[in-house]
Protein backbone atom coordinates (compact mmCIF):
# COMPACT_ATOMS: atom_id res chain seq x y z
CA UNK A 1 113.00 93.57 82.30
CA UNK A 2 115.03 96.59 81.25
CA UNK A 3 118.53 97.90 81.74
CA UNK A 4 118.82 101.50 82.87
CA UNK A 5 121.97 103.57 82.40
CA UNK A 6 124.06 100.41 82.47
CA UNK A 7 123.94 100.46 86.27
CA UNK A 8 120.47 99.29 87.22
CA UNK A 9 118.28 96.45 86.01
CA UNK A 10 114.52 96.53 86.56
CA UNK A 11 112.90 93.11 86.95
CA UNK A 12 109.30 93.32 85.77
CA UNK A 13 107.11 91.30 88.15
CA UNK A 14 103.64 90.72 86.66
CA UNK A 15 100.75 92.84 87.96
CA UNK A 16 103.07 95.34 89.71
CA UNK A 17 102.78 98.37 87.40
CA UNK A 18 105.95 97.56 85.49
CA UNK A 19 104.43 98.52 82.12
CA UNK A 20 103.53 101.92 83.51
CA UNK A 21 107.09 102.38 84.74
CA UNK A 22 108.50 101.56 81.33
CA UNK A 23 106.26 104.20 79.78
CA UNK A 24 107.58 106.74 82.27
CA UNK A 25 111.19 105.85 81.49
CA UNK A 26 110.52 106.24 77.77
CA UNK A 27 109.44 109.81 78.44
CA UNK A 28 112.57 110.52 80.48
CA UNK A 29 116.16 111.34 79.58
CA UNK A 30 117.46 108.12 81.10
CA UNK A 31 118.82 105.61 78.62
CA UNK A 32 116.71 102.47 78.69
CA UNK A 33 117.55 99.33 76.77
CA UNK A 34 114.94 96.63 76.23
CA UNK A 35 115.73 93.02 75.50
CA UNK A 36 113.01 91.20 73.60
CA UNK A 37 112.84 88.13 71.41
CA UNK A 38 114.67 89.62 68.42
CA UNK A 39 117.80 90.19 70.51
CA UNK A 40 118.55 86.52 71.11
CA UNK A 41 117.92 83.21 69.40
CA UNK A 42 114.51 81.83 70.21
CA UNK A 43 115.55 78.17 70.10
CA UNK A 44 118.38 78.69 72.58
CA UNK A 45 116.21 80.66 74.97
CA UNK A 46 113.27 78.27 74.73
CA UNK A 47 115.51 75.32 75.57
CA UNK A 48 117.08 77.08 78.52
CA UNK A 49 113.76 78.31 79.87
CA UNK A 50 112.45 74.75 79.78
CA UNK A 51 115.27 73.36 81.90
CA UNK A 52 115.75 76.33 84.22
CA UNK A 53 112.15 76.99 85.08
CA UNK A 54 111.30 73.33 85.44
CA UNK A 55 114.28 72.87 87.73
CA UNK A 56 114.19 76.00 89.88
CA UNK A 57 110.68 77.40 89.79
CA UNK A 58 108.32 74.45 89.68
CA UNK A 59 105.23 76.67 89.44
CA UNK A 60 106.54 78.28 86.26
CA UNK A 61 105.89 75.83 83.49
CA UNK A 62 107.67 75.30 80.18
CA UNK A 63 106.33 77.79 77.69
CA UNK A 64 106.55 79.26 74.23
CA UNK A 65 108.74 82.33 74.02
CA UNK A 66 106.99 85.58 73.10
CA UNK A 67 107.12 89.25 74.11
CA UNK A 68 104.92 88.77 77.17
CA UNK A 69 107.06 85.86 78.32
CA UNK A 70 110.26 87.84 77.95
CA UNK A 71 109.23 90.92 79.85
CA UNK A 72 108.24 88.84 82.86
CA UNK A 73 111.16 86.40 82.85
CA UNK A 74 113.00 85.84 86.15
CA UNK A 75 116.45 87.18 86.92
CA UNK A 76 118.28 83.90 86.35
CA UNK A 77 117.23 83.84 82.70
CA UNK A 78 118.77 87.24 82.02
CA UNK A 79 121.96 86.12 83.76
CA UNK A 80 122.11 82.96 81.68
CA UNK A 81 121.76 85.05 78.52
CA UNK A 82 124.67 87.19 79.77
CA UNK A 83 122.49 90.30 79.60
CA UNK A 84 122.45 90.99 83.33
CA UNK A 85 125.99 90.93 84.65
CA UNK A 86 127.01 93.32 87.41
CA UNK A 87 123.95 95.56 87.37
CA UNK A 88 122.11 96.30 90.58
CA UNK A 89 118.58 94.95 90.72
CA UNK A 90 115.41 96.83 91.60
CA UNK A 91 111.70 96.11 91.29
CA UNK A 92 108.22 97.22 92.32
CA UNK A 93 106.48 95.10 94.94
CA UNK A 94 102.77 94.86 95.66
CA UNK A 95 100.62 93.74 98.57
CA UNK A 96 99.78 90.08 97.89
CA UNK A 97 96.11 90.66 98.74
CA UNK A 98 95.61 93.24 95.98
CA UNK A 99 97.93 91.48 93.53
CA UNK A 100 96.02 88.20 93.82
CA UNK A 101 92.70 89.89 93.07
CA UNK A 102 94.24 91.74 90.12
CA UNK A 103 95.45 88.44 88.68
CA UNK A 104 92.11 86.74 89.13
CA UNK A 105 90.28 89.65 87.56
CA UNK A 106 92.56 89.53 84.53
CA UNK A 107 92.06 85.79 84.15
CA UNK A 108 88.31 86.14 84.37
CA UNK A 109 88.34 88.89 81.76
CA UNK A 110 90.58 87.00 79.35
CA UNK A 111 88.44 83.87 79.60
CA UNK A 112 85.39 85.86 78.54
CA UNK A 113 82.42 83.77 77.46
CA UNK A 114 84.17 80.56 78.51
CA UNK A 115 83.38 81.43 82.12
CA UNK A 116 79.73 81.50 83.25
CA UNK A 117 78.33 84.70 84.67
CA UNK A 118 79.65 84.94 88.23
CA UNK A 119 81.15 87.39 90.68
CA UNK A 120 84.89 87.70 91.14
CA UNK A 121 84.59 85.99 94.53
CA UNK A 122 82.71 83.09 92.97
CA UNK A 123 85.31 82.86 90.22
CA UNK A 124 88.17 82.69 92.70
CA UNK A 125 86.55 79.74 94.44
CA UNK A 126 85.52 77.96 91.26
CA UNK A 127 87.15 75.35 89.04
CA UNK A 128 87.64 78.01 86.37
CA UNK A 129 90.48 79.78 88.17
CA UNK A 130 93.05 77.15 87.23
CA UNK A 131 91.43 76.35 83.89
CA UNK A 132 91.82 79.91 82.67
CA UNK A 133 95.59 80.01 83.24
CA UNK A 134 95.93 78.88 79.62
CA UNK A 135 95.15 82.45 78.59
CA UNK A 136 98.32 83.84 80.20
CA UNK A 137 101.98 83.24 79.29
CA UNK A 138 103.04 80.14 81.17
CA UNK A 139 105.62 81.89 83.31
CA UNK A 140 102.82 84.01 84.77
CA UNK A 141 100.67 82.28 87.34
CA UNK A 142 98.47 83.64 90.07
CA UNK A 143 100.17 81.44 92.68
CA UNK A 144 103.80 82.38 91.99
CA UNK A 145 105.48 84.58 94.60
CA UNK A 146 107.01 87.88 93.55
CA UNK A 147 110.37 86.89 95.00
CA UNK A 148 110.50 83.92 92.59
CA UNK A 149 111.20 86.37 89.79
CA UNK A 150 114.26 87.63 91.69
CA UNK A 151 116.06 84.31 92.01
CA UNK A 152 119.55 84.16 90.49
CA UNK A 153 121.39 81.20 88.99
CA UNK A 154 122.48 80.08 92.45
CA UNK A 155 118.91 79.92 93.66
CA UNK A 156 119.28 83.02 95.85
CA UNK A 157 117.05 86.08 95.92
CA UNK A 158 118.96 89.10 94.60
CA UNK A 159 117.49 92.56 95.10
CA UNK A 160 119.25 95.82 95.84
CA UNK A 161 116.16 97.99 96.13
CA UNK A 162 112.40 97.71 95.93
CA UNK A 163 109.59 100.22 95.89
CA UNK A 164 106.16 99.37 97.21
CA UNK A 165 103.42 100.10 94.71
CA UNK A 166 101.27 101.41 97.52
CA UNK A 167 103.52 104.21 98.78
CA UNK A 168 106.97 104.01 97.20
CA UNK A 169 106.59 105.24 93.62
CA UNK A 170 107.47 108.85 94.40
CA UNK A 171 110.73 107.63 95.95
CA UNK A 172 111.40 105.69 92.75
CA UNK A 173 110.66 108.82 90.76
CA UNK A 174 113.16 110.85 92.79
CA UNK A 175 115.87 108.17 92.71
CA UNK A 176 115.78 107.84 88.92
CA UNK A 177 115.01 111.49 88.12
CA UNK A 178 111.64 110.74 86.55
CA UNK A 179 108.43 112.78 86.33
CA UNK A 180 104.72 112.01 86.31
CA UNK A 181 105.18 108.49 87.60
CA UNK A 182 101.58 108.36 88.82
CA UNK A 183 100.15 109.55 85.50
CA UNK A 184 99.98 106.31 83.56
CA UNK A 185 97.32 103.71 84.35
CA UNK A 186 98.05 101.18 81.63
CA UNK A 187 96.45 97.77 82.25
CA UNK A 188 94.57 99.07 85.27
CA UNK A 189 91.78 96.59 85.92
CA UNK A 190 88.18 97.69 85.90
CA UNK A 191 86.90 95.55 88.74
CA UNK A 192 85.43 95.77 92.21
CA UNK A 193 88.17 97.02 94.53
CA UNK A 194 86.20 96.83 97.77
CA UNK A 195 88.24 93.93 99.07
CA UNK A 196 85.88 93.37 102.00
CA UNK A 197 83.29 92.30 99.42
CA UNK A 198 85.70 90.06 97.51
CA UNK A 199 87.59 88.22 100.23
CA UNK A 200 86.19 85.45 102.35
CA UNK A 201 87.86 83.73 105.29
CA UNK A 202 88.85 80.92 102.92
CA UNK A 203 90.40 83.29 100.40
CA UNK A 204 92.31 85.15 103.10
CA UNK A 205 93.85 81.90 104.33
CA UNK A 206 94.64 80.91 100.75
CA UNK A 207 96.58 84.11 100.07
CA UNK A 208 98.35 83.95 103.43
CA UNK A 209 99.49 80.44 102.64
CA UNK A 210 100.52 80.88 98.99
CA UNK A 211 102.35 84.18 99.40
CA UNK A 212 104.06 83.66 102.74
CA UNK A 213 107.47 84.41 101.18
CA UNK A 214 106.27 87.72 99.77
CA UNK A 215 104.65 88.82 103.03
CA UNK A 216 107.91 88.17 104.86
CA UNK A 217 110.42 89.45 102.31
CA UNK A 218 108.65 92.68 101.38
CA UNK A 219 107.40 93.22 104.93
CA UNK A 220 103.70 93.32 104.23
CA UNK A 221 101.32 92.38 106.99
CA UNK A 222 99.54 89.11 106.23
CA UNK A 223 96.44 90.44 107.95
CA UNK A 224 93.61 91.94 105.87
CA UNK A 225 94.05 95.71 105.45
CA UNK A 226 90.42 96.57 104.74
């Protein structure tokens, strides 16, 4: 999450190129203010995260607070900390089909030697998919919808503007007077991106089921695009 010019707040949804965007803002003339663990008391935040996430976002488990946890925290946390007040909210969205594969690839990579040699498709359908979640901050899960990060304290989705990763970044660049938004490729996964070779009928149905809210809210087709 970051505040921009006191008017806009960017909610950093995992696996949606948010780190790249932050790098672009740092190279711009826009004033960007980050809020990380040294800005607030860890014990207070940890206690609130435990109750709020357990109560509102059941798929986001109680977790230890660290930098990775903070940058991907949902909107209601920033409101509770009185950091986000009247700012307008924007984010970057991503097609659930590509986002799911990106997550799974990251999990497989982080697990390393703990996962037997297997293809990404085999990994997705194996017992190791859930077992490897321990290697990510606990508020980041492959089966959490993007809109869950945009829920406010009243349980409502709050979003003033979103830019699709697939074709909206140049609009974001123009709106915030940025440059070279497509230059950075930080955290870009080195994995097979021929989705016709990754997805099976079972996986397609899985993604359609898990991410129904994202397909509807961000107006992505829930049909395979490949």
